[in-house]
Amino acid sequence: MSHDKERYANDPAYRAMLIAANKARREANPAKVIAADRRKRLRHRYGINPEDYDAMVARQDGLCAVCRRRPITRLCVDHSHDTRMLRSLLCRGCNAGLGHFEDNPDFLRAGADYVEIWRIIHARKLAAGFKPIPIRTSKPKKRKDTRCRPTSSPMKNPKPRA
């Protein structure tokens, strides 16, 4: 079926026929449609195909390039917004974190320093006998766990920067 943009815009019957045909095709072949959509998205956004993506996953042993954990969901393709070039594959949390810090190394370092300072302060307070504040929430919310699964070597105590 060829797609005529002008006819689609001006002929409601033609538009309804195409929409119904596309809906029937999606319902009859959901896996095929999902695979085709993924292929288009990878090609359009990043200039790669699913085979390239799978090769990247294999090179990283299926682990996030930042936290080195295996995600529950698919790894995200990380890229530089400045150079529009690919970097590596990240879990959703690390990808979102870099995005929130605007890919700015100064912001990331400042955030790491902030967390490390408060870790030291809290350790000293706990050692001196301070009691932590009980954090109460109303009702625990049931949600799908989208965090990473720990690998065999979790990074609980990463090496300090020199």
Protein backbone atom coordinates (compact mmCIF):
# COMPACT_ATOMS: atom_id res chain seq x y z
CA MET A 1 0.00 0.00 0.00
CA SER A 2 1.59 3.28 -1.02
CA HIS A 3 1.17 6.27 1.24
CA ASP A 4 0.01 9.49 -0.40
CA LYS A 5 0.47 12.36 2.08
CA GLU A 6 -1.93 14.74 0.36
CA ARG A 7 -4.65 12.11 0.04
CA TYR A 8 -4.07 11.01 3.65
CA ALA A 9 -4.50 14.62 4.85
CA ASN A 10 -7.60 15.36 2.76
CA ASP A 11 -9.50 12.06 2.46
CA PRO A 12 -10.95 10.82 5.80
CA ALA A 13 -12.00 7.45 4.32
CA TYR A 14 -8.49 6.80 2.95
CA ARG A 15 -6.94 7.87 6.28
CA ALA A 16 -9.31 5.58 8.24
CA MET A 17 -8.50 2.67 5.93
CA LEU A 18 -4.73 3.12 6.44
CA ILE A 19 -5.10 3.51 10.19
CA ALA A 20 -7.20 0.31 10.37
CA ALA A 21 -4.71 -1.61 8.21
CA ASN A 22 -1.77 -0.48 10.35
CA LYS A 23 -3.64 -1.37 13.55
CA ALA A 24 -4.43 -4.85 12.20
CA ARG A 25 -0.79 -5.35 11.19
CA ARG A 26 0.44 -4.29 14.66
CA GLU A 27 -2.04 -6.57 16.42
CA ALA A 28 -1.23 -9.54 14.16
CA ASN A 29 2.57 -9.20 14.50
CA PRO A 30 3.41 -7.42 17.79
CA ALA A 31 6.93 -8.84 18.12
CA LYS A 32 7.78 -8.01 14.52
CA VAL A 33 6.48 -4.45 14.92
CA ILE A 34 8.44 -3.93 18.17
CA ALA A 35 11.64 -5.19 16.51
CA ALA A 36 11.08 -2.92 13.50
CA ASP A 37 10.38 0.08 15.73
CA ARG A 38 13.54 -0.62 17.76
CA ARG A 39 15.61 -0.93 14.58
CA LYS A 40 14.22 2.41 13.30
CA ARG A 41 14.82 4.12 16.67
CA LEU A 42 18.43 2.92 16.92
CA ARG A 43 19.14 3.92 13.31
CA HIS A 44 17.43 7.32 13.59
CA ARG A 45 18.76 8.36 17.02
CA TYR A 46 22.24 6.85 17.04
CA GLY A 47 23.06 5.63 13.53
CA ILE A 48 23.44 2.00 14.64
CA ASN A 49 21.46 -1.20 14.14
CA PRO A 50 20.49 -3.89 16.69
CA GLU A 51 23.55 -5.94 15.76
CA ASP A 52 25.84 -2.98 16.60
CA TYR A 53 23.99 -2.55 19.90
CA ASP A 54 24.36 -6.28 20.70
CA ALA A 55 28.10 -6.05 19.96
CA MET A 56 28.38 -3.11 22.39
CA VAL A 57 26.56 -5.13 25.07
CA ALA A 58 28.95 -8.06 24.50
CA ARG A 59 32.04 -5.79 24.75
CA GLN A 60 30.74 -4.49 28.11
CA ASP A 61 29.75 -8.00 29.30
CA GLY A 62 26.19 -6.69 29.68
CA LEU A 63 27.26 -4.29 32.45
CA CYS A 64 26.72 -0.55 32.80
CA ALA A 65 29.91 1.34 31.88
CA VAL A 66 29.61 3.56 35.00
CA CYS A 67 28.33 1.47 37.93
CA ARG A 68 29.45 -1.89 36.46
CA ARG A 69 26.15 -3.53 37.42
CA ARG A 70 23.86 -5.62 35.23
CA PRO A 71 20.59 -3.77 34.62
CA ILE A 72 17.21 -5.46 34.90
CA THR A 73 16.05 -3.69 31.76
CA ARG A 74 17.90 -2.98 28.52
CA LEU A 75 21.04 -0.80 28.65
CA CYS A 76 20.68 2.77 27.32
CA VAL A 77 22.86 4.09 24.51
CA ASP A 78 24.83 7.00 25.96
CA HIS A 79 26.00 9.77 23.66
CA SER A 80 27.46 13.24 23.84
CA HIS A 81 24.97 15.98 23.07
CA ASP A 82 27.87 18.31 22.22
CA THR A 83 29.67 16.10 19.68
CA ARG A 84 26.67 13.89 18.79
CA MET A 85 28.90 10.83 19.12
CA LEU A 86 28.26 7.56 20.95
CA ARG A 87 30.04 6.74 24.18
CA SER A 88 28.99 3.48 25.87
CA LEU A 89 25.95 1.70 27.25
CA LEU A 90 24.60 2.75 30.66
CA CYS A 91 21.83 1.61 32.97
CA ARG A 92 18.85 3.96 33.20
CA GLY A 93 19.96 5.38 36.56
CA CYS A 94 23.48 6.28 35.43
CA ASN A 95 22.21 7.64 32.11
CA ALA A 96 19.66 9.84 33.88
CA GLY A 97 22.25 10.93 36.46
CA LEU A 98 24.69 12.10 33.80
CA GLY A 99 21.84 13.90 32.06
CA HIS A 100 20.75 15.66 35.24
CA PHE A 101 24.32 16.79 35.81
CA GLU A 102 24.33 18.05 32.20
CA ASP A 103 27.36 15.87 31.31
CA ASN A 104 29.43 18.44 33.22
CA PRO A 105 32.47 16.86 34.97
CA ASP A 106 32.65 19.79 37.43
CA PHE A 107 29.05 19.16 38.56
CA LEU A 108 29.73 15.42 38.84
CA ARG A 109 32.89 15.98 40.93
CA ALA A 110 31.09 18.48 43.15
CA GLY A 111 28.27 15.95 43.65
CA ALA A 112 30.77 13.21 44.55
CA ASP A 113 32.55 15.53 46.99
CA TYR A 114 29.21 16.48 48.57
CA VAL A 115 28.25 12.83 49.14
CA GLU A 116 31.71 11.95 50.51
CA ILE A 117 31.71 14.89 52.96
CA TRP A 118 28.28 13.96 54.30
CA ARG A 119 29.28 10.29 54.55
CA ILE A 120 32.18 11.33 56.83
CA ILE A 121 30.02 13.72 58.87
CA HIS A 122 27.33 11.10 59.39
CA ALA A 123 29.85 8.38 60.30
CA ARG A 124 31.32 10.67 62.98
CA LYS A 125 27.86 11.53 64.34
CA LEU A 126 26.86 7.86 64.48
CA ALA A 127 30.12 7.00 66.26
CA ALA A 128 29.41 9.77 68.82
CA GLY A 129 26.02 8.24 69.59
CA PHE A 130 23.68 10.39 67.52
CA LYS A 131 20.52 8.58 66.52
CA PRO A 132 19.41 8.72 62.90
CA ILE A 133 16.08 10.34 62.20
CA PRO A 134 13.46 7.69 61.46
CA ILE A 135 12.14 8.38 58.00
CA ARG A 136 8.51 7.41 57.82
CA THR A 137 6.51 7.17 54.67
CA SER A 138 2.79 6.70 54.51
CA LYS A 139 2.23 3.39 52.81
CA PRO A 140 5.02 1.58 50.96
CA LYS A 141 4.34 1.94 47.26
CA LYS A 142 4.52 -1.13 45.10
CA ARG A 143 6.55 -0.39 42.03
CA LYS A 144 8.54 -2.30 39.51
CA ASP A 145 12.20 -2.48 40.51
CA THR A 146 14.17 -0.74 37.74
CA ARG A 147 17.46 -0.53 39.62
CA CYS A 148 20.50 -2.51 38.61
CA ARG A 149 21.21 -5.98 39.86
CA PRO A 150 24.52 -6.21 41.73
CA THR A 151 27.31 -8.07 39.98
CA SER A 152 29.75 -10.42 41.68
CA SER A 153 31.97 -7.48 42.67
CA PRO A 154 29.81 -4.57 43.90
CA MET A 155 31.44 -1.16 44.22
CA LYS A 156 30.44 -0.43 47.85
CA ASN A 157 33.69 1.29 48.73
CA PRO A 158 35.13 2.75 45.54
CA LYS A 159 38.75 3.87 45.57
CA PRO A 160 39.15 7.54 46.53
CA ARG A 161 40.35 9.91 43.88
CA ALA A 162 44.00 10.89 44.01
